[in-house]
Amino acid sequence: MRSTIKTVRNHVAALRVALLSPSPEELQTFLPVLTDAAGCLGTIERELRLLPDPRNTRSQDDPDLARELKALRQDLRTVRKLVEHGAAFWQAWAKLFGAATGGYTPSGEPRPVAAAGSISVQG
């Protein structure tokens, strides 16, 4: 289980770096990595559920595992905050852009930005 936790932490660390300097291409390369990380998290969860009392028994028996799980939780919180702040930033920009290009709705909200749709197929 410890190697699975390390794998997820490595994926999360790489994602954190990508989120700090995002480009669409760089973030898009992380979709398979995130899929793998999600699968690993599922494996960790299943293994923890097999323990008699994952909160007490295992942490006393294996303090290194408890530290790794705590570090993983902190890594995930950090990435979650980066994603939340990035989403808030772009939502604020969308409101400003909507107000600048479309004005305001009768309720005083900026008009939503109409996204131009396109499909790209390769292969």
Protein backbone atom coordinates (compact mmCIF):
# COMPACT_ATOMS: atom_id res chain seq x y z
CA MET A 1 0.00 0.00 0.00
CA ARG A 2 2.87 2.37 0.76
CA SER A 3 4.11 2.19 -2.84
CA THR A 4 0.60 3.01 -4.09
CA ILE A 5 0.48 6.03 -1.78
CA LYS A 6 3.88 7.14 -3.09
CA THR A 7 2.64 6.80 -6.67
CA VAL A 8 -0.40 8.98 -5.94
CA ARG A 9 1.74 11.57 -4.12
CA ASN A 10 4.08 11.73 -7.15
CA HIS A 11 1.09 12.25 -9.49
CA VAL A 12 -0.34 14.94 -7.21
CA ALA A 13 3.04 16.71 -6.98
CA ALA A 14 3.32 16.78 -10.77
CA LEU A 15 -0.23 18.09 -11.04
CA ARG A 16 0.53 20.81 -8.50
CA VAL A 17 3.46 21.99 -10.65
CA ALA A 18 1.24 21.98 -13.75
CA LEU A 19 -1.46 23.97 -11.96
CA LEU A 20 1.06 26.61 -10.91
CA SER A 21 2.11 27.18 -14.52
CA PRO A 22 -0.85 25.99 -16.55
CA SER A 23 -1.10 25.74 -20.26
CA PRO A 24 -3.95 23.83 -21.88
CA GLU A 25 -1.55 21.33 -23.40
CA GLU A 26 0.29 20.71 -20.14
CA LEU A 27 -2.91 20.21 -18.17
CA GLN A 28 -4.36 17.95 -20.86
CA THR A 29 -1.39 15.60 -20.53
CA PHE A 30 -2.40 15.01 -16.91
CA LEU A 31 -5.76 13.40 -17.70
CA PRO A 32 -4.29 9.87 -17.91
CA VAL A 33 -2.18 10.56 -14.81
CA LEU A 34 -5.26 11.70 -12.91
CA THR A 35 -7.12 8.59 -14.02
CA ASP A 36 -4.28 6.45 -12.70
CA ALA A 37 -4.19 8.44 -9.44
CA ALA A 38 -7.94 7.97 -8.98
CA GLY A 39 -7.53 4.22 -9.49
CA CYS A 40 -4.71 4.14 -6.96
CA LEU A 41 -6.82 6.06 -4.45
CA GLY A 42 -9.56 3.47 -4.91
CA THR A 43 -7.04 0.71 -4.21
CA ILE A 44 -5.82 2.47 -1.07
CA GLU A 45 -9.39 2.94 0.13
CA ARG A 46 -10.19 -0.75 -0.40
CA GLU A 47 -7.05 -1.83 1.45
CA LEU A 48 -7.81 0.49 4.35
CA ARG A 49 -11.35 -0.88 4.61
CA LEU A 50 -9.89 -4.35 5.10
CA LEU A 51 -8.10 -3.24 8.25
CA PRO A 52 -9.90 -3.88 11.57
CA ASP A 53 -9.80 -0.20 12.60
CA PRO A 54 -7.87 1.89 10.08
CA ARG A 55 -7.85 4.99 12.31
CA ASN A 56 -6.30 3.38 15.39
CA THR A 57 -4.89 -0.11 14.94
CA ARG A 58 -2.88 0.43 11.77
CA SER A 59 -1.40 3.80 12.77
CA GLN A 60 -0.08 2.24 15.98
CA ASP A 61 1.30 -0.77 14.10
CA ASP A 62 2.75 1.24 11.23
CA PRO A 63 3.44 4.90 12.04
CA ASP A 64 5.16 5.37 8.66
CA LEU A 65 1.95 4.43 6.89
CA ALA A 66 0.00 6.87 9.05
CA ARG A 67 2.48 9.64 8.15
CA GLU A 68 2.23 8.81 4.46
CA LEU A 69 -1.56 8.92 4.56
CA LYS A 70 -1.49 12.24 6.40
CA ALA A 71 0.96 13.67 3.85
CA LEU A 72 -1.25 12.42 1.00
CA ARG A 73 -4.27 14.11 2.56
CA GLN A 74 -2.33 17.38 2.78
CA ASP A 75 -1.14 17.07 -0.83
CA LEU A 76 -4.72 16.55 -2.00
CA ARG A 77 -5.92 19.56 0.01
CA THR A 78 -3.23 21.72 -1.58
CA VAL A 79 -4.19 20.68 -5.10
CA ARG A 80 -7.91 21.12 -4.31
CA LYS A 81 -7.22 24.70 -3.18
CA LEU A 82 -5.24 25.43 -6.35
CA VAL A 83 -8.10 24.12 -8.49
CA GLU A 84 -10.73 26.06 -6.50
CA HIS A 85 -8.75 29.30 -6.68
CA GLY A 86 -8.07 28.82 -10.39
CA ALA A 87 -11.76 28.21 -11.06
CA ALA A 88 -12.74 31.29 -9.04
CA PHE A 89 -10.20 33.38 -10.96
CA TRP A 90 -11.54 32.31 -14.36
CA GLN A 91 -15.17 32.68 -13.26
CA ALA A 92 -14.42 36.26 -12.21
CA TRP A 93 -12.79 36.92 -15.59
CA ALA A 94 -15.82 35.44 -17.34
CA LYS A 95 -18.11 37.83 -15.46
CA LEU A 96 -15.94 40.81 -16.36
CA PHE A 97 -15.78 39.70 -19.99
CA GLY A 98 -19.53 39.06 -20.04
CA ALA A 99 -20.25 42.54 -18.68
CA ALA A 100 -17.84 44.12 -21.17
CA THR A 101 -19.20 42.29 -24.22
CA GLY A 102 -22.84 41.67 -23.40
CA GLY A 103 -23.79 44.12 -20.71
CA TYR A 104 -25.92 43.13 -17.79
CA THR A 105 -29.09 41.11 -17.29
CA PRO A 106 -32.22 42.79 -15.88
CA SER A 107 -31.27 41.42 -12.45
CA GLY A 108 -27.93 43.25 -12.60
CA GLU A 109 -25.72 40.21 -13.23
CA PRO A 110 -23.19 40.24 -16.07
CA ARG A 111 -24.48 38.43 -19.13
CA PRO A 112 -22.94 34.96 -19.50
CA VAL A 113 -20.25 34.65 -22.11
CA ALA A 114 -21.43 32.59 -25.05
CA ALA A 115 -18.81 29.96 -25.72
CA ALA A 116 -18.12 29.19 -29.34
CA GLY A 117 -18.32 25.46 -29.86
CA SER A 118 -15.86 23.49 -31.90
CA ILE A 119 -14.84 19.89 -32.26
CA SER A 120 -11.36 18.70 -33.01
CA VAL A 121 -10.77 15.14 -34.17
CA GLN A 122 -7.37 13.62 -34.74
CA GLY A 123 -6.41 10.24 -36.01
